[in-house]
Amino acid sequence: MPASLLTEILFRGVFEVVLYGLGYVIGWLVVPTFTLGRYCVEPWDFKSRKKSKSHSRRQHPKQISADAACSIGLVTLAVALTAMYFIWRAIDA
C-alpha cells in the first residue's frame, strides 16, 4: 500500500508538471498569434517579474494569466490531435 501511494504521488506530480508546462508553452505560442499581438501571456516565474517605471506612450499588450494560457494551450492541443486523427483516418480510407 505505501509503495502504490508513493508511486501515485510521484507520477501525479510529474504528470501535472509536464501537462501544465506543455499547455503553458502552447498557449504562450498560440495567444499572441491568434490575437495579433494584442494579448500576451504573463511570465511563468512570478517572483522575478519587475514593474517598468518608465511611462511610455507605447501601448503594451494586455496579459492573460498563466492558468488561462495553460487552458488555451490544452484545448488547442486537443483540437489539433483530434483533427490529425480524423485526417489520418480519411487518408487510410
PDB file of N, CA and C in Angstrom:
ATOM      1  N   MET A   1       0.799  -1.201   0.000  1.00  0.00           N
ATOM      2  CA  MET A   1       0.000   0.000   0.000  1.00  0.00           C
ATOM      3  C   MET A   1       0.848   1.275   0.000  1.00  0.00           C
ATOM      4  N   PRO A   2       1.856   1.401   0.852  1.00  0.00           N
ATOM      5  CA  PRO A   2       2.663   2.629   0.829  1.00  0.00           C
ATOM      6  C   PRO A   2       3.394   2.836  -0.487  1.00  0.00           C
ATOM      7  N   ALA A   3       3.809   1.753  -1.137  1.00  0.00           N
ATOM      8  CA  ALA A   3       4.522   1.892  -2.413  1.00  0.00           C
ATOM      9  C   ALA A   3       3.597   2.444  -3.486  1.00  0.00           C
ATOM     10  N   SER A   4       2.354   1.994  -3.507  1.00  0.00           N
ATOM     11  CA  SER A   4       1.412   2.493  -4.516  1.00  0.00           C
ATOM     12  C   SER A   4       1.068   3.957  -4.253  1.00  0.00           C
ATOM     13  N   LEU A   5       0.993   4.335  -2.990  1.00  0.00           N
ATOM     14  CA  LEU A   5       0.717   5.736  -2.652  1.00  0.00           C
ATOM     15  C   LEU A   5       1.879   6.620  -3.081  1.00  0.00           C
ATOM     16  N   LEU A   6       3.097   6.179  -2.831  1.00  0.00           N
ATOM     17  CA  LEU A   6       4.281   6.937  -3.235  1.00  0.00           C
ATOM     18  C   LEU A   6       4.361   7.056  -4.751  1.00  0.00           C
ATOM     19  N   THR A   7       4.065   5.951  -5.438  1.00  0.00           N
ATOM     20  CA  THR A   7       4.083   5.965  -6.904  1.00  0.00           C
ATOM     21  C   THR A   7       3.036   6.926  -7.446  1.00  0.00           C
ATOM     22  N   GLU A   8       1.842   6.905  -6.853  1.00  0.00           N
ATOM     23  CA  GLU A   8       0.780   7.806  -7.303  1.00  0.00           C
ATOM     24  C   GLU A   8       1.177   9.261  -7.089  1.00  0.00           C
ATOM     25  N   ILE A   9       1.755   9.566  -5.966  1.00  0.00           N
ATOM     26  CA  ILE A   9       2.165  10.947  -5.675  1.00  0.00           C
ATOM     27  C   ILE A   9       3.240  11.408  -6.660  1.00  0.00           C
ATOM     28  N   LEU A  10       4.226  10.553  -6.917  1.00  0.00           N
ATOM     29  CA  LEU A  10       5.303  10.927  -7.833  1.00  0.00           C
ATOM     30  C   LEU A  10       4.801  11.084  -9.260  1.00  0.00           C
ATOM     31  N   PHE A  11       4.068  10.085  -9.764  1.00  0.00           N
ATOM     32  CA  PHE A  11       3.598  10.154 -11.141  1.00  0.00           C
ATOM     33  C   PHE A  11       2.579  11.259 -11.342  1.00  0.00           C
ATOM     34  N   ARG A  12       1.729  11.469 -10.356  1.00  0.00           N
ATOM     35  CA  ARG A  12       0.745  12.539 -10.474  1.00  0.00           C
ATOM     36  C   ARG A  12       1.430  13.897 -10.521  1.00  0.00           C
ATOM     37  N   GLY A  13       2.428  14.096  -9.673  1.00  0.00           N
ATOM     38  CA  GLY A  13       3.163  15.362  -9.682  1.00  0.00           C
ATOM     39  C   GLY A  13       3.893  15.598 -10.987  1.00  0.00           C
ATOM     40  N   VAL A  14       4.571  14.574 -11.480  1.00  0.00           N
ATOM     41  CA  VAL A  14       5.295  14.699 -12.751  1.00  0.00           C
ATOM     42  C   VAL A  14       4.312  14.929 -13.889  1.00  0.00           C
ATOM     43  N   PHE A  15       3.208  14.177 -13.899  1.00  0.00           N
ATOM     44  CA  PHE A  15       2.205  14.313 -14.946  1.00  0.00           C
ATOM     45  C   PHE A  15       1.619  15.723 -14.961  1.00  0.00           C
ATOM     46  N   GLU A  16       1.309  16.268 -13.778  1.00  0.00           N
ATOM     47  CA  GLU A  16       0.749  17.617 -13.709  1.00  0.00           C
ATOM     48  C   GLU A  16       1.755  18.668 -14.168  1.00  0.00           C
ATOM     49  N   VAL A  17       3.008  18.519 -13.783  1.00  0.00           N
ATOM     50  CA  VAL A  17       4.026  19.489 -14.183  1.00  0.00           C
ATOM     51  C   VAL A  17       4.233  19.448 -15.692  1.00  0.00           C
ATOM     52  N   VAL A  18       4.318  18.254 -16.259  1.00  0.00           N
ATOM     53  CA  VAL A  18       4.526  18.122 -17.703  1.00  0.00           C
ATOM     54  C   VAL A  18       3.310  18.640 -18.461  1.00  0.00           C
ATOM     55  N   LEU A  19       2.116  18.270 -18.006  1.00  0.00           N
ATOM     56  CA  LEU A  19       0.902  18.708 -18.688  1.00  0.00           C
ATOM     57  C   LEU A  19       0.723  20.224 -18.580  1.00  0.00           C
ATOM     58  N   TYR A  20       0.969  20.780 -17.402  1.00  0.00           N
ATOM     59  CA  TYR A  20       0.860  22.225 -17.226  1.00  0.00           C
ATOM     60  C   TYR A  20       1.911  22.952 -18.067  1.00  0.00           C
ATOM     61  N   GLY A  21       3.117  22.432 -18.077  1.00  0.00           N
ATOM     62  CA  GLY A  21       4.184  23.061 -18.863  1.00  0.00           C
ATOM     63  C   GLY A  21       3.900  23.010 -20.353  1.00  0.00           C
ATOM     64  N   LEU A  22       3.416  21.880 -20.832  1.00  0.00           N
ATOM     65  CA  LEU A  22       3.077  21.749 -22.249  1.00  0.00           C
ATOM     66  C   LEU A  22       1.938  22.699 -22.620  1.00  0.00           C
ATOM     67  N   GLY A  23       0.912  22.750 -21.771  1.00  0.00           N
ATOM     68  CA  GLY A  23      -0.200  23.667 -22.030  1.00  0.00           C
ATOM     69  C   GLY A  23       0.239  25.117 -22.010  1.00  0.00           C
ATOM     70  N   TYR A  24       1.132  25.466 -21.077  1.00  0.00           N
ATOM     71  CA  TYR A  24       1.621  26.842 -20.991  1.00  0.00           C
ATOM     72  C   TYR A  24       2.410  27.229 -22.239  1.00  0.00           C
ATOM     73  N   VAL A  25       3.293  26.347 -22.691  1.00  0.00           N
ATOM     74  CA  VAL A  25       4.123  26.661 -23.860  1.00  0.00           C
ATOM     75  C   VAL A  25       3.256  26.800 -25.115  1.00  0.00           C
ATOM     76  N   ILE A  26       2.298  25.897 -25.289  1.00  0.00           N
ATOM     77  CA  ILE A  26       1.419  26.003 -26.451  1.00  0.00           C
ATOM     78  C   ILE A  26       0.575  27.268 -26.371  1.00  0.00           C
ATOM     79  N   GLY A  27       0.049  27.569 -25.182  1.00  0.00           N
ATOM     80  CA  GLY A  27      -0.715  28.806 -25.010  1.00  0.00           C
ATOM     81  C   GLY A  27       0.140  30.040 -25.228  1.00  0.00           C
ATOM     82  N   TRP A  28       1.394  29.986 -24.790  1.00  0.00           N
ATOM     83  CA  TRP A  28       2.322  31.105 -24.970  1.00  0.00           C
ATOM     84  C   TRP A  28       2.557  31.374 -26.455  1.00  0.00           C
ATOM     85  N   LEU A  29       2.524  30.319 -27.271  1.00  0.00           N
ATOM     86  CA  LEU A  29       2.697  30.482 -28.714  1.00  0.00           C
ATOM     87  C   LEU A  29       1.401  30.876 -29.413  1.00  0.00           C
ATOM     88  N   VAL A  30       0.285  30.320 -28.979  1.00  0.00           N
ATOM     89  CA  VAL A  30      -0.990  30.494 -29.673  1.00  0.00           C
ATOM     90  C   VAL A  30      -1.639  31.848 -29.390  1.00  0.00           C
ATOM     91  N   VAL A  31      -1.607  32.288 -28.142  1.00  0.00           N
ATOM     92  CA  VAL A  31      -2.323  33.519 -27.764  1.00  0.00           C
ATOM     93  C   VAL A  31      -1.848  34.738 -28.560  1.00  0.00           C
ATOM     94  N   PRO A  32      -0.556  35.060 -28.605  1.00  0.00           N
ATOM     95  CA  PRO A  32      -0.148  36.237 -29.390  1.00  0.00           C
ATOM     96  C   PRO A  32      -0.389  36.068 -30.893  1.00  0.00           C
ATOM     97  N   THR A  33      -0.329  34.820 -31.357  1.00  0.00           N
ATOM     98  CA  THR A  33      -0.527  34.574 -32.783  1.00  0.00           C
ATOM     99  C   THR A  33      -1.967  34.864 -33.193  1.00  0.00           C
ATOM    100  N   PHE A  34      -2.923  34.327 -32.454  1.00  0.00           N
ATOM    101  CA  PHE A  34      -4.322  34.495 -32.822  1.00  0.00           C
ATOM    102  C   PHE A  34      -4.901  35.849 -32.438  1.00  0.00           C
ATOM    103  N   THR A  35      -4.297  36.530 -31.473  1.00  0.00           N
ATOM    104  CA  THR A  35      -4.792  37.856 -31.101  1.00  0.00           C
ATOM    105  C   THR A  35      -4.005  38.963 -31.790  1.00  0.00           C
ATOM    106  N   LEU A  36      -3.106  38.590 -32.682  1.00  0.00           N
ATOM    107  CA  LEU A  36      -2.274  39.536 -33.433  1.00  0.00           C
ATOM    108  C   LEU A  36      -1.480  40.469 -32.523  1.00  0.00           C
ATOM    109  N   GLY A  37      -1.003  39.937 -31.410  1.00  0.00           N
ATOM    110  CA  GLY A  37      -0.151  40.688 -30.508  1.00  0.00           C
ATOM    111  C   GLY A  37      -0.872  41.583 -29.519  1.00  0.00           C
ATOM    112  N   ARG A  38      -2.203  41.560 -29.498  1.00  0.00           N
ATOM    113  CA  ARG A  38      -2.927  42.405 -28.543  1.00  0.00           C
ATOM    114  C   ARG A  38      -2.882  41.843 -27.132  1.00  0.00           C
ATOM    115  N   TYR A  39      -2.728  40.530 -27.020  1.00  0.00           N
ATOM    116  CA  TYR A  39      -2.623  39.871 -25.723  1.00  0.00           C
ATOM    117  C   TYR A  39      -1.336  39.083 -25.675  1.00  0.00           C
ATOM    118  N   CYS A  40      -0.760  38.995 -24.495  1.00  0.00           N
ATOM    119  CA  CYS A  40       0.405  38.147 -24.288  1.00  0.00           C
ATOM    120  C   CYS A  40       0.188  37.372 -22.992  1.00  0.00           C
ATOM    121  N   VAL A  41       1.053  36.436 -22.724  1.00  0.00           N
ATOM    122  CA  VAL A  41       0.929  35.584 -21.548  1.00  0.00           C
ATOM    123  C   VAL A  41       1.894  36.081 -20.492  1.00  0.00           C
ATOM    124  N   GLU A  42       1.417  36.135 -19.242  1.00  0.00           N
ATOM    125  CA  GLU A  42       2.300  36.583 -18.175  1.00  0.00           C
ATOM    126  C   GLU A  42       3.425  35.582 -17.966  1.00  0.00           C
ATOM    127  N   PRO A  43       4.562  36.029 -17.486  1.00  0.00           N
ATOM    128  CA  PRO A  43       5.711  35.137 -17.311  1.00  0.00           C
ATOM    129  C   PRO A  43       5.417  34.010 -16.334  1.00  0.00           C
ATOM    130  N   TRP A  44       6.109  32.904 -16.535  1.00  0.00           N
ATOM    131  CA  TRP A  44       5.934  31.733 -15.672  1.00  0.00           C
ATOM    132  C   TRP A  44       6.441  32.036 -14.266  1.00  0.00           C
ATOM    133  N   ASP A  45       7.599  32.666 -14.156  1.00  0.00           N
ATOM    134  CA  ASP A  45       8.197  32.976 -12.858  1.00  0.00           C
ATOM    135  C   ASP A  45       7.668  34.315 -12.378  1.00  0.00           C
ATOM    136  N   PHE A  46       6.768  34.279 -11.429  1.00  0.00           N
ATOM    137  CA  PHE A  46       6.109  35.495 -10.978  1.00  0.00           C
ATOM    138  C   PHE A  46       6.977  36.323 -10.038  1.00  0.00           C
ATOM    139  N   LYS A  47       7.987  35.720  -9.417  1.00  0.00           N
ATOM    140  CA  LYS A  47       8.803  36.441  -8.444  1.00  0.00           C
ATOM    141  C   LYS A  47       9.816  37.364  -9.097  1.00  0.00           C
ATOM    142  N   SER A  48      10.304  37.006 -10.278  1.00  0.00           N
ATOM    143  CA  SER A  48      11.333  37.827 -10.917  1.00  0.00           C
ATOM    144  C   SER A  48      10.747  38.893 -11.835  1.00  0.00           C
ATOM    145  N   ARG A  49       9.439  38.984 -11.899  1.00  0.00           N
ATOM    146  CA  ARG A  49       8.794  39.969 -12.758  1.00  0.00           C
ATOM    147  C   ARG A  49       8.946  41.352 -12.133  1.00  0.00           C
ATOM    148  N   LYS A  50       9.431  42.288 -12.910  1.00  0.00           N
ATOM    149  CA  LYS A  50       9.660  43.640 -12.407  1.00  0.00           C
ATOM    150  C   LYS A  50       8.750  44.611 -13.127  1.00  0.00           C
ATOM    151  N   LYS A  51       8.264  45.567 -12.403  1.00  0.00           N
ATOM    152  CA  LYS A  51       7.422  46.605 -12.991  1.00  0.00           C
ATOM    153  C   LYS A  51       8.307  47.666 -13.638  1.00  0.00           C
ATOM    154  N   SER A  52       7.917  48.072 -14.806  1.00  0.00           N
ATOM    155  CA  SER A  52       8.658  49.111 -15.505  1.00  0.00           C
ATOM    156  C   SER A  52       8.278  50.470 -14.918  1.00  0.00           C
ATOM    157  N   LYS A  53       9.274  51.290 -14.664  1.00  0.00           N
ATOM    158  CA  LYS A  53       8.998  52.608 -14.098  1.00  0.00           C
ATOM    159  C   LYS A  53       8.904  53.677 -15.172  1.00  0.00           C
ATOM    160  N   SER A  54       9.216  53.332 -16.389  1.00  0.00           N
ATOM    161  CA  SER A  54       9.111  54.324 -17.452  1.00  0.00           C
ATOM    162  C   SER A  54       7.662  54.376 -17.941  1.00  0.00           C
ATOM    163  N   HIS A  55       7.202  55.556 -18.193  1.00  0.00           N
ATOM    164  CA  HIS A  55       5.840  55.750 -18.661  1.00  0.00           C
ATOM    165  C   HIS A  55       5.894  56.151 -20.135  1.00  0.00           C
ATOM    166  N   SER A  56       5.926  55.166 -20.977  1.00  0.00           N
ATOM    167  CA  SER A  56       5.981  55.472 -22.396  1.00  0.00           C
ATOM    168  C   SER A  56       4.573  55.545 -22.962  1.00  0.00           C
ATOM    169  N   ARG A  57       4.446  56.164 -24.086  1.00  0.00           N
ATOM    170  CA  ARG A  57       3.149  56.298 -24.758  1.00  0.00           C
ATOM    171  C   ARG A  57       2.789  55.029 -25.537  1.00  0.00           C
ATOM    172  N   ARG A  58       3.764  54.163 -25.710  1.00  0.00           N
ATOM    173  CA  ARG A  58       3.511  52.942 -26.455  1.00  0.00           C
ATOM    174  C   ARG A  58       2.546  52.054 -25.683  1.00  0.00           C
ATOM    175  N   GLN A  59       1.552  51.556 -26.393  1.00  0.00           N
ATOM    176  CA  GLN A  59       0.555  50.724 -25.741  1.00  0.00           C
ATOM    177  C   GLN A  59       1.077  49.287 -25.619  1.00  0.00           C
ATOM    178  N   HIS A  60       1.149  48.804 -24.396  1.00  0.00           N
ATOM    179  CA  HIS A  60       1.636  47.458 -24.152  1.00  0.00           C
ATOM    180  C   HIS A  60       0.489  46.464 -24.302  1.00  0.00           C
ATOM    181  N   PRO A  61       0.802  45.253 -24.731  1.00  0.00           N
ATOM    182  CA  PRO A  61      -0.272  44.267 -24.867  1.00  0.00           C
ATOM    183  C   PRO A  61      -0.825  43.854 -23.507  1.00  0.00           C
ATOM    184  N   LYS A  62      -2.096  43.513 -23.486  1.00  0.00           N
ATOM    185  CA  LYS A  62      -2.719  43.045 -22.255  1.00  0.00           C
ATOM    186  C   LYS A  62      -2.203  41.644 -21.967  1.00  0.00           C
ATOM    187  N   GLN A  63      -2.130  41.303 -20.692  1.00  0.00           N
ATOM    188  CA  GLN A  63      -1.620  39.999 -20.310  1.00  0.00           C
ATOM    189  C   GLN A  63      -2.745  39.114 -19.803  1.00  0.00           C
ATOM    190  N   ILE A  64      -2.689  37.849 -20.170  1.00  0.00           N
ATOM    191  CA  ILE A  64      -3.593  36.875 -19.597  1.00  0.00           C
ATOM    192  C   ILE A  64      -2.799  36.025 -18.615  1.00  0.00           C
ATOM    193  N   SER A  65      -3.484  35.390 -17.699  1.00  0.00           N
ATOM    194  CA  SER A  65      -2.795  34.625 -16.664  1.00  0.00           C
ATOM    195  C   SER A  65      -2.177  33.358 -17.235  1.00  0.00           C
ATOM    196  N   ALA A  66      -1.231  32.820 -16.504  1.00  0.00           N
ATOM    197  CA  ALA A  66      -0.572  31.584 -16.920  1.00  0.00           C
ATOM    198  C   ALA A  66      -1.555  30.415 -16.915  1.00  0.00           C
ATOM    199  N   ASP A  67      -2.500  30.421 -15.981  1.00  0.00           N
ATOM    200  CA  ASP A  67      -3.507  29.360 -15.943  1.00  0.00           C
ATOM    201  C   ASP A  67      -4.416  29.415 -17.163  1.00  0.00           C
ATOM    202  N   ALA A  68      -4.807  30.606 -17.572  1.00  0.00           N
ATOM    203  CA  ALA A  68      -5.637  30.745 -18.771  1.00  0.00           C
ATOM    204  C   ALA A  68      -4.853  30.306 -20.005  1.00  0.00           C
ATOM    205  N   ALA A  69      -3.583  30.631 -20.069  1.00  0.00           N
ATOM    206  CA  ALA A  69      -2.743  30.213 -21.194  1.00  0.00           C
ATOM    207  C   ALA A  69      -2.619  28.696 -21.225  1.00  0.00           C
ATOM    208  N   CYS A  70      -2.504  28.078 -20.058  1.00  0.00           N
ATOM    209  CA  CYS A  70      -2.440  26.624 -19.985  1.00  0.00           C
ATOM    210  C   CYS A  70      -3.728  26.009 -20.508  1.00  0.00           C
ATOM    211  N   SER A  71      -4.860  26.554 -20.117  1.00  0.00           N
ATOM    212  CA  SER A  71      -6.154  26.047 -20.594  1.00  0.00           C
ATOM    213  C   SER A  71      -6.286  26.201 -22.100  1.00  0.00           C
ATOM    214  N   ILE A  72      -5.919  27.359 -22.609  1.00  0.00           N
ATOM    215  CA  ILE A  72      -5.979  27.599 -24.054  1.00  0.00           C
ATOM    216  C   ILE A  72      -5.040  26.642 -24.785  1.00  0.00           C
ATOM    217  N   GLY A  73      -3.865  26.429 -24.237  1.00  0.00           N
ATOM    218  CA  GLY A  73      -2.908  25.523 -24.852  1.00  0.00           C
ATOM    219  C   GLY A  73      -3.396  24.083 -24.879  1.00  0.00           C
ATOM    220  N   LEU A  74      -4.015  23.625 -23.785  1.00  0.00           N
ATOM    221  CA  LEU A  74      -4.514  22.257 -23.751  1.00  0.00           C
ATOM    222  C   LEU A  74      -5.701  22.066 -24.688  1.00  0.00           C
ATOM    223  N   VAL A  75      -6.572  23.066 -24.786  1.00  0.00           N
ATOM    224  CA  VAL A  75      -7.692  22.983 -25.727  1.00  0.00           C
ATOM    225  C   VAL A  75      -7.163  22.966 -27.165  1.00  0.00           C
ATOM    226  N   THR A  76      -6.184  23.805 -27.446  1.00  0.00           N
ATOM    227  CA  THR A  76      -5.585  23.828 -28.784  1.00  0.00           C
ATOM    228  C   THR A  76      -4.940  22.485 -29.110  1.00  0.00           C
ATOM    229  N   LEU A  77      -4.250  21.897 -28.147  1.00  0.00           N
ATOM    230  CA  LEU A  77      -3.628  20.593 -28.345  1.00  0.00           C
ATOM    231  C   LEU A  77      -4.682  19.523 -28.609  1.00  0.00           C
ATOM    232  N   ALA A  78      -5.779  19.543 -27.857  1.00  0.00           N
ATOM    233  CA  ALA A  78      -6.846  18.559 -28.057  1.00  0.00           C
ATOM    234  C   ALA A  78      -7.484  18.703 -29.441  1.00  0.00           C
ATOM    235  N   VAL A  79      -7.724  19.931 -29.870  1.00  0.00           N
ATOM    236  CA  VAL A  79      -8.317  20.161 -31.194  1.00  0.00           C
ATOM    237  C   VAL A  79      -7.357  19.716 -32.290  1.00  0.00           C
ATOM    238  N   ALA A  80      -6.074  20.016 -32.139  1.00  0.00           N
ATOM    239  CA  ALA A  80      -5.088  19.628 -33.145  1.00  0.00           C
ATOM    240  C   ALA A  80      -4.957  18.104 -33.234  1.00  0.00           C
ATOM    241  N   LEU A  81      -4.932  17.432 -32.087  1.00  0.00           N
ATOM    242  CA  LEU A  81      -4.835  15.973 -32.105  1.00  0.00           C
ATOM    243  C   LEU A  81      -6.078  15.334 -32.708  1.00  0.00           C
ATOM    244  N   THR A  82      -7.252  15.894 -32.403  1.00  0.00           N
ATOM    245  CA  THR A  82      -8.490  15.376 -32.983  1.00  0.00           C
ATOM    246  C   THR A  82      -8.501  15.573 -34.495  1.00  0.00           C
ATOM    247  N   ALA A  83      -8.089  16.731 -34.955  1.00  0.00           N
ATOM    248  CA  ALA A  83      -8.039  16.996 -36.394  1.00  0.00           C
ATOM    249  C   ALA A  83      -7.036  16.063 -37.081  1.00  0.00           C
ATOM    250  N   MET A  84      -5.882  15.854 -36.460  1.00  0.00           N
ATOM    251  CA  MET A  84      -4.893  14.949 -37.048  1.00  0.00           C
ATOM    252  C   MET A  84      -5.426  13.516 -37.098  1.00  0.00           C
ATOM    253  N   TYR A  85      -6.167  13.101 -36.090  1.00  0.00           N
ATOM    254  CA  TYR A  85      -6.747  11.763 -36.086  1.00  0.00           C
ATOM    255  C   TYR A  85      -7.730  11.584 -37.240  1.00  0.00           C
ATOM    256  N   PHE A  86      -8.624  12.559 -37.428  1.00  0.00           N
ATOM    257  CA  PHE A  86      -9.613  12.437 -38.497  1.00  0.00           C
ATOM    258  C   PHE A  86      -8.962  12.546 -39.882  1.00  0.00           C
ATOM    259  N   ILE A  87      -7.935  13.341 -40.005  1.00  0.00           N
ATOM    260  CA  ILE A  87      -7.210  13.413 -41.293  1.00  0.00           C
ATOM    261  C   ILE A  87      -6.509  12.094 -41.569  1.00  0.00           C
ATOM    262  N   TRP A  88      -5.892  11.509 -40.550  1.00  0.00           N
ATOM    263  CA  TRP A  88      -5.229  10.214 -40.688  1.00  0.00           C
ATOM    264  C   TRP A  88      -6.221   9.130 -41.081  1.00  0.00           C
ATOM    265  N   ARG A  89      -7.403   9.162 -40.463  1.00  0.00           N
ATOM    266  CA  ARG A  89      -8.446   8.183 -40.798  1.00  0.00           C
ATOM    267  C   ARG A  89      -8.942   8.382 -42.231  1.00  0.00           C
ATOM    268  N   ALA A  90      -9.049   9.625 -42.663  1.00  0.00           N
ATOM    269  CA  ALA A  90      -9.520   9.898 -44.006  1.00  0.00           C
ATOM    270  C   ALA A  90      -8.495   9.447 -45.056  1.00  0.00           C
ATOM    271  N   ILE A  91      -7.225   9.562 -44.740  1.00  0.00           N
ATOM    272  CA  ILE A  91      -6.181   9.138 -45.676  1.00  0.00           C
ATOM    273  C   ILE A  91      -6.169   7.610 -45.810  1.00  0.00           C
ATOM    274  N   ASP A  92      -6.388   6.898 -44.700  1.00  0.00           N
ATOM    275  CA  ASP A  92      -6.395   5.440 -44.731  1.00  0.00           C
ATOM    276  C   ASP A  92      -7.621   4.875 -45.447  1.00  0.00           C
ATOM    277  N   ALA A  93      -8.698   5.609 -45.461  1.00  0.00           N
ATOM    278  CA  ALA A  93      -9.951   5.080 -46.053  1.00  0.00           C
ATOM    279  C   ALA A  93      -9.933   5.066 -47.535  1.00  0.00           C
TER     280      ALA A  93
END
